[in-house]
Protein backbone atom coordinates (compact mmCIF):
# COMPACT_ATOMS: atom_id res chain seq x y z
CA MET A 1 -7.64 11.19 -83.01
CA ASP A 2 -7.08 11.08 -79.25
CA ALA A 3 -8.14 14.05 -77.12
CA ALA A 4 -8.26 14.58 -73.35
CA PHE A 5 -11.37 15.70 -71.46
CA CYS A 6 -11.88 16.53 -67.80
CA THR A 7 -15.04 14.68 -66.84
CA GLY A 8 -15.19 15.62 -63.17
CA PRO A 9 -13.01 16.09 -60.09
CA GLY A 10 -9.94 13.89 -60.36
CA SER A 11 -11.05 12.43 -63.68
CA ILE A 12 -9.25 12.88 -67.01
CA GLU A 13 -10.59 10.81 -69.89
CA LEU A 14 -8.87 10.14 -73.21
CA ARG A 15 -11.41 9.87 -76.03
CA ASP A 16 -11.24 8.93 -79.68
CA VAL A 17 -12.85 11.90 -81.48
CA PRO A 18 -13.08 12.93 -85.15
CA SER A 19 -10.14 14.96 -86.39
CA PRO A 20 -11.09 18.64 -86.78
CA GLU A 21 -11.86 20.17 -90.15
CA PRO A 22 -10.32 23.65 -90.37
CA GLU A 23 -12.65 26.56 -90.98
CA THR A 24 -11.90 29.30 -93.52
CA GLY A 25 -8.89 31.24 -92.31
CA HIS A 26 -7.89 28.43 -89.96
CA VAL A 27 -5.15 25.81 -90.13
CA LEU A 28 -4.65 22.53 -88.34
CA VAL A 29 -1.70 22.28 -85.98
CA ARG A 30 -0.24 18.90 -85.07
CA VAL A 31 0.51 19.27 -81.38
CA HIS A 32 4.10 18.67 -80.31
CA ALA A 33 3.52 19.54 -76.66
CA CYS A 34 0.80 21.09 -74.53
CA GLY A 35 1.35 22.25 -70.96
CA ILE A 36 -1.01 21.57 -68.08
CA CYS A 37 -2.00 24.97 -66.72
CA GLY A 38 -3.27 26.01 -63.31
CA SER A 39 -6.66 26.79 -64.86
CA ASP A 40 -6.81 23.19 -66.11
CA LEU A 41 -6.13 22.07 -62.55
CA HIS A 42 -9.09 24.13 -61.32
CA TYR A 43 -11.30 21.79 -63.36
CA TYR A 44 -9.41 18.77 -62.10
CA VAL A 45 -9.91 19.58 -58.41
CA GLY A 46 -13.56 20.55 -58.86
CA ALA A 47 -13.08 24.27 -58.21
CA ALA A 48 -14.69 25.06 -61.58
CA SER A 49 -17.06 23.18 -63.84
CA PRO A 50 -15.07 21.40 -66.55
CA PRO A 51 -15.74 22.43 -70.15
CA ALA A 52 -17.45 20.14 -72.63
CA VAL A 53 -14.49 20.40 -75.01
CA CYS A 54 -10.96 19.03 -75.02
CA ILE A 55 -8.85 21.04 -72.59
CA GLY A 56 -5.37 22.58 -72.88
CA HIS A 57 -4.16 25.94 -74.22
CA GLU A 58 -0.34 26.03 -73.86
CA ILE A 59 0.33 24.70 -77.34
CA ALA A 60 3.40 24.25 -79.52
CA GLY A 61 3.36 22.20 -82.69
CA ARG A 62 3.77 22.08 -86.44
CA VAL A 63 1.40 23.22 -89.16
CA ALA A 64 -0.49 20.21 -90.53
CA THR A 65 -2.52 21.91 -93.28
CA ALA A 66 -1.09 24.70 -95.41
CA GLY A 67 -2.91 28.00 -95.60
CA ASP A 68 -2.79 31.76 -95.00
CA GLY A 69 0.96 31.90 -95.57
CA PHE A 70 1.84 28.91 -93.39
CA ALA A 71 3.51 25.85 -94.87
CA VAL A 72 3.11 22.27 -93.71
CA GLY A 73 5.70 21.43 -91.09
CA GLU A 74 6.38 24.99 -89.91
CA PRO A 75 6.95 25.11 -86.13
CA VAL A 76 4.47 27.41 -84.38
CA VAL A 77 3.05 28.36 -81.02
CA VAL A 78 -0.61 29.20 -80.52
CA GLU A 79 -2.13 32.29 -78.96
CA PRO A 80 -5.33 30.55 -77.79
CA LEU A 81 -7.64 33.58 -77.88
CA LEU A 82 -10.54 33.35 -80.32
CA SER A 83 -11.86 36.90 -80.68
CA CYS A 84 -14.18 38.59 -83.15
CA GLY A 85 -11.41 40.65 -84.76
CA VAL A 86 -13.65 43.64 -85.53
CA CYS A 87 -14.72 45.20 -82.23
CA ALA A 88 -12.96 48.24 -80.74
CA ARG A 89 -10.97 46.09 -78.32
CA CYS A 90 -9.73 43.76 -81.07
CA ARG A 91 -8.85 46.65 -83.38
CA GLY A 92 -6.97 48.27 -80.50
CA GLY A 93 -4.76 45.21 -80.00
CA GLU A 94 -6.75 43.85 -77.07
CA PRO A 95 -8.30 40.57 -78.25
CA ASN A 96 -8.10 39.43 -74.62
CA LEU A 97 -10.85 41.94 -73.81
CA CYS A 98 -13.13 41.12 -76.75
CA PRO A 99 -16.77 40.73 -75.58
CA ALA A 100 -17.07 37.63 -77.78
CA LEU A 101 -13.84 36.05 -76.54
CA ARG A 102 -13.49 32.28 -76.46
CA ILE A 103 -10.37 30.47 -75.34
CA LEU A 104 -9.06 27.18 -76.71
CA GLY A 105 -9.52 24.46 -74.11
CA ASN A 106 -12.51 26.24 -72.57
CA LEU A 107 -15.17 27.17 -75.12
CA ALA A 108 -13.37 25.67 -78.12
CA PRO A 109 -11.43 22.39 -78.44
CA GLY A 110 -7.95 22.72 -76.99
CA GLY A 111 -4.47 21.32 -77.33
CA LEU A 112 -4.42 18.17 -75.20
CA ALA A 113 -5.04 16.30 -78.43
CA GLU A 114 -3.20 15.19 -81.53
CA LEU A 115 -4.53 18.05 -83.67
CA VAL A 116 -6.06 21.46 -82.96
CA ASP A 117 -7.96 23.82 -85.27
CA VAL A 118 -6.54 27.35 -84.93
CA PRO A 119 -7.08 30.69 -86.70
CA ALA A 120 -3.99 31.45 -88.76
CA SER A 121 -3.96 34.90 -87.13
CA ALA A 122 -3.34 33.22 -83.75
CA LEU A 123 -0.12 31.51 -84.85
CA TYR A 124 3.42 32.71 -84.19
CA ARG A 125 6.36 31.18 -85.98
CA VAL A 126 8.95 29.67 -83.67
CA PRO A 127 12.42 31.18 -84.26
CA PRO A 128 14.84 28.71 -85.88
CA ASN A 129 17.12 28.70 -82.82
CA LEU A 130 14.33 27.70 -80.42
CA ASP A 131 13.09 24.11 -80.06
CA LEU A 132 9.41 23.26 -79.72
CA ASP A 133 9.77 21.84 -76.21
CA ALA A 134 10.87 25.20 -74.83
CA ALA A 135 8.54 27.12 -77.17
CA MET A 136 5.58 25.57 -75.34
CA LEU A 137 6.34 28.05 -72.52
CA ALA A 138 5.54 31.02 -74.77
CA GLU A 139 1.91 31.11 -73.62
CA PRO A 140 2.47 31.25 -69.84
CA LEU A 141 5.50 33.51 -70.34
CA ALA A 142 3.33 35.95 -72.33
CA VAL A 143 1.07 36.10 -69.25
CA GLY A 144 4.10 37.27 -67.27
CA VAL A 145 5.09 39.81 -69.91
CA HIS A 146 1.60 41.32 -69.86
CA ALA A 147 1.43 41.49 -66.06
CA ALA A 148 4.85 43.14 -65.77
CA HIS A 149 3.75 45.79 -68.24
CA LEU A 150 0.52 46.46 -66.31
CA GLY A 151 2.55 46.66 -63.11
CA GLU A 152 4.77 49.35 -64.69
CA ILE A 153 7.83 47.51 -63.38
CA ALA A 154 10.99 49.54 -63.85
CA PRO A 155 14.68 49.11 -62.98
CA GLY A 156 15.31 49.28 -59.24
CA ASP A 157 11.68 48.62 -58.28
CA GLY A 158 10.93 46.33 -55.38
CA VAL A 159 8.58 43.57 -56.47
CA LEU A 160 6.81 40.89 -54.47
CA VAL A 161 5.41 37.88 -56.31
CA LEU A 162 2.83 35.94 -54.33
CA GLY A 163 2.92 32.31 -55.49
CA GLY A 164 5.67 29.99 -56.69
CA GLY A 165 3.78 28.14 -59.42
CA THR A 166 4.59 28.44 -63.12
CA ILE A 167 2.95 31.85 -63.56
CA GLY A 168 4.50 33.22 -60.38
CA LEU A 169 7.96 32.05 -61.43
CA LEU A 170 7.61 33.39 -64.96
CA VAL A 171 6.31 36.80 -63.89
CA ALA A 172 9.18 36.97 -61.38
CA PHE A 173 11.59 36.22 -64.22
CA VAL A 174 10.13 38.97 -66.41
CA ALA A 175 10.27 41.46 -63.54
CA ALA A 176 13.91 40.54 -62.90
CA THR A 177 14.78 41.04 -66.58
CA ARG A 178 13.33 44.55 -66.27
CA GLY A 179 15.84 45.29 -63.50
CA ALA A 180 13.54 44.88 -60.51
CA ARG A 181 14.54 43.46 -57.12
CA VAL A 182 12.19 40.50 -56.89
CA ILE A 183 11.08 38.52 -53.84
CA VAL A 184 8.91 35.42 -54.33
CA SER A 185 6.71 33.65 -51.82
CA ALA A 186 6.92 29.89 -52.38
CA ARG A 187 5.61 26.88 -50.51
CA HIS A 188 7.97 24.15 -51.75
CA PRO A 189 11.79 23.92 -51.88
CA HIS A 190 11.89 23.18 -55.61
CA GLN A 191 9.84 26.32 -56.29
CA ALA A 192 12.22 28.39 -54.16
CA GLU A 193 15.20 26.98 -56.04
CA ALA A 194 13.58 27.80 -59.39
CA ALA A 195 12.74 31.35 -58.25
CA ARG A 196 16.36 32.04 -57.37
CA ALA A 197 17.56 30.55 -60.65
CA LEU A 198 15.23 32.91 -62.50
CA GLY A 199 16.55 36.02 -60.80
CA ALA A 200 14.74 36.44 -57.47
CA ILE A 201 16.96 38.04 -54.83
CA ASP A 202 15.10 36.28 -52.01
CA VAL A 203 12.36 33.74 -51.34
CA VAL A 204 10.02 33.75 -48.35
CA GLY A 205 7.42 31.33 -47.10
CA THR A 206 3.71 31.71 -47.73
CA THR A 207 2.37 32.70 -44.32
CA ARG A 208 1.18 36.24 -43.71
CA GLU A 209 3.67 36.60 -40.85
CA GLU A 210 6.67 35.54 -42.96
CA ILE A 211 5.79 37.82 -45.85
CA LEU A 212 4.88 40.94 -43.90
CA GLY A 213 7.79 40.46 -41.52
CA ARG A 214 10.27 40.28 -44.41
CA LEU A 215 8.84 43.39 -46.08
CA GLU A 216 8.02 45.58 -43.11
CA ARG A 217 10.99 47.93 -43.61
CA THR A 218 11.04 47.87 -47.43
CA PRO A 219 7.49 47.45 -48.74
CA PRO A 220 7.43 46.64 -52.45
CA ASP A 221 6.48 49.06 -55.19
CA THR A 222 4.50 46.33 -56.96
CA VAL A 223 2.86 43.13 -55.77
CA LEU A 224 1.92 40.49 -58.33
CA GLU A 225 -0.73 38.07 -57.02
CA THR A 226 -0.67 34.69 -58.82
CA VAL A 227 -2.32 32.32 -56.33
CA GLY A 228 -6.08 32.83 -56.71
CA GLY A 229 -8.38 30.00 -55.71
CA THR A 230 -9.69 30.54 -52.19
CA ALA A 231 -6.55 32.22 -50.83
CA ALA A 232 -6.61 35.57 -49.01
CA THR A 233 -3.66 36.76 -51.08
CA LEU A 234 -5.25 39.90 -52.53
CA ASP A 235 -5.79 41.25 -49.03
CA LEU A 236 -2.20 40.25 -48.23
CA ALA A 237 -1.00 42.12 -51.33
CA LEU A 238 -2.77 45.27 -50.13
CA ARG A 239 -1.17 44.96 -46.70
CA ALA A 240 2.29 44.42 -48.20
CA VAL A 241 2.45 47.05 -50.95
CA ARG A 242 3.88 50.48 -50.26
CA PRO A 243 1.59 53.53 -50.14
CA GLY A 244 0.92 54.61 -53.71
CA GLY A 245 2.10 51.24 -55.00
CA ARG A 246 0.63 48.85 -57.54
CA ILE A 247 -1.10 45.47 -57.24
CA VAL A 248 -1.58 43.23 -60.27
CA ALA A 249 -4.07 40.39 -59.86
CA LEU A 250 -3.34 37.36 -62.06
CA GLY A 251 -4.73 34.53 -59.93
CA LYS A 252 -8.05 32.95 -60.85
CA PHE A 253 -10.16 33.29 -57.71
CA THR A 254 -12.98 30.83 -57.19
CA ARG A 255 -14.79 32.80 -54.49
CA PRO A 256 -15.79 36.44 -53.91
CA ILE A 257 -12.95 38.64 -52.68
CA THR A 258 -13.19 41.18 -49.85
CA LEU A 259 -10.73 43.99 -49.15
CA PRO A 260 -10.66 46.45 -46.21
CA PRO A 261 -11.91 49.65 -47.86
CA LEU A 262 -10.19 52.03 -45.43
CA ARG A 263 -6.78 50.45 -46.08
CA LEU A 264 -7.37 50.62 -49.84
CA LEU A 265 -8.36 54.28 -49.52
CA MET A 266 -5.49 55.35 -47.28
CA LYS A 267 -2.79 53.53 -49.22
CA GLU A 268 -3.95 55.00 -52.53
CA ALA A 269 -2.78 51.76 -54.11
CA ARG A 270 -3.65 50.97 -57.70
CA LEU A 271 -5.26 47.58 -58.22
CA VAL A 272 -5.38 46.22 -61.76
CA SER A 273 -6.39 42.82 -63.09
CA SER A 274 -4.32 41.10 -65.76
CA MET A 275 -6.17 39.08 -68.39
CA THR A 276 -3.84 36.81 -70.39
CA TYR A 277 -1.89 38.93 -72.94
CA CYS A 278 -2.46 41.45 -75.70
CA ARG A 279 -1.04 42.95 -78.90
CA ARG A 280 -0.72 46.58 -77.88
CA GLY A 281 2.53 48.47 -78.08
CA PRO A 282 5.49 47.90 -80.37
CA ARG A 283 4.96 44.13 -80.51
CA PRO A 284 2.57 41.49 -79.15
CA ASP A 285 3.25 39.96 -75.75
CA PHE A 286 3.72 36.58 -77.47
CA GLU A 287 6.56 37.95 -79.61
CA THR A 288 8.26 39.35 -76.52
CA ALA A 289 7.88 35.97 -74.82
CA LEU A 290 9.44 34.15 -77.77
CA ALA A 291 12.37 36.58 -77.80
CA LEU A 292 12.95 35.97 -74.08
CA LEU A 293 12.83 32.22 -74.67
CA VAL A 294 15.47 32.48 -77.39
CA HIS A 295 17.86 34.36 -75.09
CA GLU A 296 17.11 32.48 -71.87
CA ARG A 297 16.16 29.04 -73.14
CA ALA A 298 18.23 27.02 -70.66
CA ARG A 299 16.95 28.79 -67.56
CA LEU A 300 13.33 28.81 -68.69
CA ALA A 301 13.19 25.28 -70.11
CA ALA A 302 14.23 23.99 -66.68
CA LEU A 303 10.68 24.80 -65.53
CA ILE A 304 9.42 21.85 -67.60
CA THR A 305 9.99 19.23 -64.91
CA HIS A 306 7.88 16.37 -66.28
CA ARG A 307 6.90 15.10 -69.71
CA VAL A 308 4.22 12.46 -70.33
CA PRO A 309 2.71 11.02 -73.51
CA LEU A 310 -0.91 11.84 -74.30
CA ARG A 311 -1.94 8.28 -73.48
CA ASP A 312 -0.75 8.97 -69.91
CA VAL A 313 -2.40 12.38 -69.59
CA ALA A 314 -4.23 11.34 -66.40
CA ARG A 315 -0.86 10.63 -64.78
CA GLY A 316 0.31 14.04 -65.96
CA PHE A 317 -2.53 15.72 -64.07
CA ALA A 318 -1.79 13.68 -60.97
CA LEU A 319 1.84 14.83 -61.13
CA ALA A 320 0.87 18.46 -61.73
CA ILE A 321 -1.46 18.63 -58.72
CA ASP A 322 0.99 16.90 -56.37
CA LYS A 323 3.70 19.49 -55.75
CA THR A 324 5.63 17.02 -53.60
CA SER A 325 6.47 15.35 -56.92
CA GLY A 326 8.71 18.34 -57.69
CA ALA A 327 6.44 19.36 -60.55
CA ILE A 328 6.44 22.87 -61.91
CA LYS A 329 5.33 22.52 -65.53
CA VAL A 330 4.07 19.19 -66.85
CA ALA A 331 4.14 18.86 -70.64
CA VAL A 332 1.94 16.41 -72.52
CA ALA A 333 3.22 15.17 -75.87
CA PRO A 334 0.90 13.33 -78.29
């Protein structure tokens, strides 16, 4: 089968590899679509060492081998966390915090391929009134669901989302559905347009002066940081948030972070990191994401701006990294 590998900065290689053989308790999923994520782009730009396996973890497809209650052809999405299943974190509904955690597309072969080997326990059935194209967004949307929960976002809260990429837009959407007044910082016009369509009451630029100037009189209750990389956005979040407010860090930083300790002390702000998604509470974050997709399919599916076949996966990465292309989410379809 064909599978995509990142072989270095700016290099995506399509290889012919053996089709996977499912382990006990696993099934094969024939990939319908796999999104290119910001973490995949970190490999592509050389900000992180690329994995030795096929990349990609935003996966929707159909069951290719029956097993563990799944029939061939069933439409599914994949929660790409491979955890031990027996530790205290796993038993408590937190496979994202398992000490033995591996993630598809990082330490195990991922979804930018024709087939992917997945534990049956990591599959969620796609509701009959949701198509697989839109269902591909369940994974990044679950990230937003998890972050909004950690940020304790409630109706009437003021929320600032730093970053207008896919995760920033989706976490802004989730916050808006919870009744928050959401402001998004975005660099590009198409990101600003998408933020407003998803419920943001305002969009500001990305400079420190624009953001702090807009929020000086009404500092937000919660700031959600989604930029990461080498940006100084966590310090900016601390400056922007109200005293006693909350900061949720989602961005994948590629350098050490420094914060002014006196400001952190005097603001008594709570800083929490958000790691993917979990299964705590009344239902898993993935199930909440699928329910949101069913009810808001049209608005959310509009985030998929480009679709490319697997044979053109290198072009897909070039589109995803070049925001002047108008790209938000690029989907790759084998």
